[in-house]
C-alpha atoms as a PDB file:
ATOM      1  CA  MET A   1      11.776 -50.527 120.832  1.00  0.00           C
ATOM      2  CA  LEU A   2       9.627 -47.775 122.315  1.00  0.00           C
ATOM      3  CA  GLY A   3      12.759 -45.818 123.214  1.00  0.00           C
ATOM      4  CA  ASP A   4      13.905 -45.976 119.599  1.00  0.00           C
ATOM      5  CA  ASP A   5      10.500 -44.830 118.322  1.00  0.00           C
ATOM      6  CA  THR A   6      10.366 -41.991 120.838  1.00  0.00           C
ATOM      7  CA  GLY A   7      13.895 -40.895 119.971  1.00  0.00           C
ATOM      8  CA  TYR A   8      13.105 -40.932 116.266  1.00  0.00           C
ATOM      9  CA  ALA A   9       9.947 -38.880 116.843  1.00  0.00           C
ATOM     10  CA  ALA A  10      11.872 -36.369 118.941  1.00  0.00           C
ATOM     11  CA  ASP A  11      14.497 -36.069 116.209  1.00  0.00           C
ATOM     12  CA  LEU A  12      11.778 -35.422 113.615  1.00  0.00           C
ATOM     13  CA  LEU A  13      10.166 -32.779 115.827  1.00  0.00           C
ATOM     14  CA  THR A  14      13.492 -31.050 116.334  1.00  0.00           C
ATOM     15  CA  GLU A  15      14.261 -31.184 112.620  1.00  0.00           C
ATOM     16  CA  GLY A  16      10.757 -29.994 111.701  1.00  0.00           C
ATOM     17  CA  CYS A  17      10.995 -27.061 114.107  1.00  0.00           C
ATOM     18  CA  HIS A  18      14.446 -26.177 112.784  1.00  0.00           C
ATOM     19  CA  HIS A  19      13.311 -26.146 109.161  1.00  0.00           C
ATOM     20  CA  GLY A  20       9.994 -24.375 109.761  1.00  0.00           C
ATOM     21  CA  MET A  21      11.433 -21.617 111.925  1.00  0.00           C
ATOM     22  CA  GLY A  22      14.544 -21.407 109.758  1.00  0.00           C
ATOM     23  CA  ALA A  23      12.389 -20.932 106.666  1.00  0.00           C
ATOM     24  CA  GLU A  24      10.779 -17.857 108.211  1.00  0.00           C
ATOM     25  CA  ALA A  25      14.145 -16.472 109.326  1.00  0.00           C
ATOM     26  CA  CYS A  26      15.528 -16.880 105.796  1.00  0.00           C
ATOM     27  CA  ARG A  27      12.441 -15.245 104.283  1.00  0.00           C
ATOM     28  CA  ARG A  28      12.823 -12.259 106.595  1.00  0.00           C
ATOM     29  CA  ALA A  29      16.513 -12.036 105.658  1.00  0.00           C
ATOM     30  CA  GLY A  30      15.607 -12.035 101.956  1.00  0.00           C
ATOM     31  CA  ASP A  31      17.113 -15.456 101.212  1.00  0.00           C
ATOM     32  CA  PHE A  32      13.989 -16.705  99.446  1.00  0.00           C
ATOM     33  CA  GLY A  33      15.538 -19.742  97.779  1.00  0.00           C
ATOM     34  CA  ARG A  34      16.808 -21.132 101.055  1.00  0.00           C
ATOM     35  CA  ALA A  35      13.531 -20.223 102.762  1.00  0.00           C
ATOM     36  CA  GLU A  36      11.574 -22.237 100.202  1.00  0.00           C
ATOM     37  CA  ARG A  37      13.899 -25.242 100.528  1.00  0.00           C
ATOM     38  CA  MET A  38      13.629 -25.190 104.312  1.00  0.00           C
ATOM     39  CA  ALA A  39       9.843 -24.781 104.126  1.00  0.00           C
ATOM     40  CA  GLY A  40       9.669 -27.770 101.792  1.00  0.00           C
ATOM     41  CA  ASP A  41      11.686 -29.832 104.271  1.00  0.00           C
ATOM     42  CA  ALA A  42       9.443 -28.700 107.134  1.00  0.00           C
ATOM     43  CA  LEU A  43       6.369 -29.637 105.124  1.00  0.00           C
ATOM     44  CA  ARG A  44       7.791 -33.074 104.330  1.00  0.00           C
ATOM     45  CA  ILE A  45       8.382 -33.684 108.039  1.00  0.00           C
ATOM     46  CA  ALA A  46       5.030 -32.251 109.139  1.00  0.00           C
ATOM     47  CA  THR A  47       3.129 -34.485 106.728  1.00  0.00           C
ATOM     48  CA  SER A  48       5.177 -37.638 107.345  1.00  0.00           C
ATOM     49  CA  ALA A  49       3.149 -38.575 110.425  1.00  0.00           C
ATOM     50  CA  PRO A  50      -0.030 -37.530 112.217  1.00  0.00           C
ATOM     51  CA  PRO A  51       0.235 -34.415 114.401  1.00  0.00           C
ATOM     52  CA  VAL A  52       1.687 -35.519 117.728  1.00  0.00           C
ATOM     53  CA  SER A  53       3.050 -32.328 119.264  1.00  0.00           C
ATOM     54  CA  PHE A  54       1.788 -28.784 119.464  1.00  0.00           C
ATOM     55  CA  THR A  55       5.407 -27.625 119.148  1.00  0.00           C
ATOM     56  CA  MET A  56       5.072 -28.050 115.377  1.00  0.00           C
ATOM     57  CA  ILE A  57       2.223 -25.507 115.060  1.00  0.00           C
ATOM     58  CA  ALA A  58       4.465 -22.449 114.681  1.00  0.00           C
ATOM     59  CA  PRO A  59       6.925 -24.142 112.292  1.00  0.00           C
ATOM     60  CA  VAL A  60       4.079 -25.344 110.064  1.00  0.00           C
ATOM     61  CA  PHE A  61       2.479 -21.878 110.246  1.00  0.00           C
ATOM     62  CA  PHE A  62       5.744 -20.262 109.110  1.00  0.00           C
ATOM     63  CA  CYS A  63       6.293 -22.950 106.476  1.00  0.00           C
ATOM     64  CA  ALA A  64       2.858 -22.215 105.009  1.00  0.00           C
ATOM     65  CA  GLY A  65       3.558 -18.478 105.020  1.00  0.00           C
ATOM     66  CA  VAL A  66       6.855 -18.893 103.182  1.00  0.00           C
ATOM     67  CA  LEU A  67       5.270 -21.162 100.587  1.00  0.00           C
ATOM     68  CA  ILE A  68       2.272 -18.852 100.055  1.00  0.00           C
ATOM     69  CA  ASP A  69       4.669 -15.924  99.692  1.00  0.00           C
ATOM     70  CA  SER A  70       6.701 -17.888  97.131  1.00  0.00           C
ATOM     71  CA  ILE A  71       3.733 -18.057  94.735  1.00  0.00           C
ATOM     72  CA  SER A  72       4.123 -14.377  93.873  1.00  0.00           C
ATOM     73  CA  ARG A  73       7.785 -14.920  92.937  1.00  0.00           C
ATOM     74  CA  ALA A  74       7.138 -17.753  90.492  1.00  0.00           C
ATOM     75  CA  SER A  75       8.674 -17.085  87.099  1.00  0.00           C
ATOM     76  CA  ASP A  76       6.281 -19.065  84.905  1.00  0.00           C
ATOM     77  CA  PRO A  77       2.906 -20.847  85.034  1.00  0.00           C
ATOM     78  CA  ALA A  78       4.460 -24.233  85.833  1.00  0.00           C
ATOM     79  CA  ALA A  79       6.374 -22.769  88.790  1.00  0.00           C
ATOM     80  CA  THR A  80       3.236 -20.964  89.958  1.00  0.00           C
ATOM     81  CA  ALA A  81       1.253 -24.223  89.848  1.00  0.00           C
ATOM     82  CA  SER A  82       3.969 -26.145  91.684  1.00  0.00           C
ATOM     83  CA  ARG A  83       4.314 -23.513  94.403  1.00  0.00           C
ATOM     84  CA  THR A  84       0.549 -23.266  94.763  1.00  0.00           C
ATOM     85  CA  ARG A  85       0.309 -27.044  95.285  1.00  0.00           C
ATOM     86  CA  LEU A  86       3.010 -26.924  97.963  1.00  0.00           C
ATOM     87  CA  ALA A  87       1.362 -23.971  99.700  1.00  0.00           C
ATOM     88  CA  ARG A  88      -2.004 -25.773  99.695  1.00  0.00           C
ATOM     89  CA  ARG A  89      -0.361 -28.842 101.232  1.00  0.00           C
ATOM     90  CA  ALA A  90       1.125 -26.667 103.964  1.00  0.00           C
ATOM     91  CA  VAL A  91      -2.211 -24.989 104.675  1.00  0.00           C
ATOM     92  CA  SER A  92      -3.840 -28.446 104.803  1.00  0.00           C
ATOM     93  CA  ALA A  93      -1.141 -29.667 107.183  1.00  0.00           C
ATOM     94  CA  LEU A  94      -1.835 -26.716 109.465  1.00  0.00           C
ATOM     95  CA  ALA A  95      -5.555 -27.548 109.332  1.00  0.00           C
ATOM     96  CA  ARG A  96      -4.710 -31.115 110.437  1.00  0.00           C
ATOM     97  CA  TYR A  97      -2.840 -29.703 113.408  1.00  0.00           C
ATOM     98  CA  ALA A  98      -5.849 -27.501 114.217  1.00  0.00           C
ATOM     99  CA  GLN A  99      -8.074 -30.595 114.346  1.00  0.00           C
ATOM    100  CA  VAL A 100      -5.832 -32.154 116.986  1.00  0.00           C
ATOM    101  CA  PHE A 101      -4.759 -28.958 118.765  1.00  0.00           C
ATOM    102  CA  PRO A 102      -7.547 -26.318 118.787  1.00  0.00           C
ATOM    103  CA  ILE A 103      -5.035 -23.580 119.628  1.00  0.00           C
ATOM    104  CA  ALA A 104      -3.865 -23.896 116.000  1.00  0.00           C
ATOM    105  CA  SER A 105      -7.317 -22.976 114.630  1.00  0.00           C
ATOM    106  CA  PRO A 106      -6.719 -19.208 114.360  1.00  0.00           C
ATOM    107  CA  ALA A 107      -3.363 -19.770 112.639  1.00  0.00           C
ATOM    108  CA  SER A 108      -4.972 -22.233 110.249  1.00  0.00           C
ATOM    109  CA  LEU A 109      -7.754 -19.790 109.381  1.00  0.00           C
ATOM    110  CA  LEU A 110      -5.252 -16.957 108.920  1.00  0.00           C
ATOM    111  CA  ARG A 111      -3.215 -19.012 106.436  1.00  0.00           C
ATOM    112  CA  ARG A 112      -6.375 -20.134 104.627  1.00  0.00           C
ATOM    113  CA  GLY A 113      -7.155 -16.447 104.179  1.00  0.00           C
ATOM    114  CA  ASP A 114      -3.625 -15.795 102.948  1.00  0.00           C
ATOM    115  CA  MET A 115      -4.032 -18.610 100.428  1.00  0.00           C
ATOM    116  CA  GLU A 116      -7.317 -17.125  99.193  1.00  0.00           C
ATOM    117  CA  ALA A 117      -5.671 -13.703  98.864  1.00  0.00           C
ATOM    118  CA  ALA A 118      -2.816 -15.229  96.857  1.00  0.00           C
ATOM    119  CA  ALA A 119      -5.418 -16.828  94.578  1.00  0.00           C
ATOM    120  CA  GLY A 120      -7.054 -13.446  93.976  1.00  0.00           C
ATOM    121  CA  ARG A 121     -10.158 -14.081  96.069  1.00  0.00           C
ATOM    122  CA  PRO A 122     -10.227 -11.133  98.519  1.00  0.00           C
ATOM    123  CA  ALA A 123     -13.779 -11.726  99.778  1.00  0.00           C
ATOM    124  CA  GLN A 124     -12.910 -15.310 100.766  1.00  0.00           C
ATOM    125  CA  ALA A 125      -9.656 -14.092 102.302  1.00  0.00           C
ATOM    126  CA  ARG A 126     -11.501 -11.545 104.461  1.00  0.00           C
ATOM    127  CA  LYS A 127     -13.944 -14.239 105.570  1.00  0.00           C
ATOM    128  CA  HIS A 128     -11.108 -16.463 106.832  1.00  0.00           C
ATOM    129  CA  TRP A 129      -9.200 -13.585 108.443  1.00  0.00           C
ATOM    130  CA  THR A 130     -12.348 -12.453 110.259  1.00  0.00           C
ATOM    131  CA  ALA A 131     -12.959 -16.027 111.425  1.00  0.00           C
ATOM    132  CA  ALA A 132      -9.333 -16.273 112.625  1.00  0.00           C
ATOM    133  CA  LEU A 133      -9.729 -13.118 114.668  1.00  0.00           C
ATOM    134  CA  ALA A 134     -13.044 -14.280 116.168  1.00  0.00           C
ATOM    135  CA  LYS A 135     -11.670 -17.741 116.967  1.00  0.00           C
ATOM    136  CA  GLU A 136      -8.625 -16.283 118.634  1.00  0.00           C
ATOM    137  CA  GLU A 137     -10.743 -13.949 120.746  1.00  0.00           C
ATOM    138  CA  ARG A 138     -12.968 -16.879 121.809  1.00  0.00           C
ATOM    139  CA  LEU A 139      -9.879 -18.869 122.800  1.00  0.00           C
ATOM    140  CA  GLY A 140      -8.421 -15.913 124.705  1.00  0.00           C
ATOM    141  CA  MET A 141      -5.331 -15.857 122.510  1.00  0.00           C
ATOM    142  CA  ASN A 142      -3.430 -13.054 120.852  1.00  0.00           C
ATOM    143  CA  TRP A 143      -0.975 -14.806 118.535  1.00  0.00           C
ATOM    144  CA  CYS A 144      -2.561 -14.028 115.147  1.00  0.00           C
ATOM    145  CA  ALA A 145      -4.778 -11.095 116.069  1.00  0.00           C
ATOM    146  CA  ARG A 146      -2.420  -8.343 114.923  1.00  0.00           C
ATOM    147  CA  SER A 147      -1.792 -10.110 111.609  1.00  0.00           C
ATOM    148  CA  ALA A 148      -5.521 -10.677 111.045  1.00  0.00           C
ATOM    149  CA  ARG A 149      -6.369  -7.050 111.849  1.00  0.00           C
ATOM    150  CA  SER A 150      -3.589  -5.789 109.562  1.00  0.00           C
ATOM    151  CA  ARG A 151      -4.759  -7.951 106.673  1.00  0.00           C
ATOM    152  CA  LEU A 152      -8.389  -6.899 107.165  1.00  0.00           C
ATOM    153  CA  ALA A 153      -7.424  -3.215 107.257  1.00  0.00           C
ATOM    154  CA  SER A 154      -5.481  -3.453 104.011  1.00  0.00           C
ATOM    155  CA  ALA A 155      -7.888  -5.745 102.134  1.00  0.00           C
END
């Protein structure tokens, strides 16, 4: 029984990583529709169980970025609301990972800032980006620092 559960969890992790990373690759290639579908799949997987592996941090981070980016491409208020809800869920999922895996805290704060920027709240966005940069420096990391500095410089 445990072997079956472990195998199923490993399959979900693999699938979640595939969809989250694939979503970012599609976004960078300009295939926004596919990116959003893959991000939605990654989000579904990431929220189907409690965070159990730090390997899902980057896929959830990219998933959130794709979904936040999709808000600006919405064609009507209903689509904007739907995409905003999905993006918020992704940012919340990343925050859940940050509670379990502190190394995800800077990424979570960066995406919270991105969400605030997308909502037209630049002061709140700067607050989260500054916190992401400070948290990353305290943790001795450099994963989000360039992104945080770039956002702060252009805000």
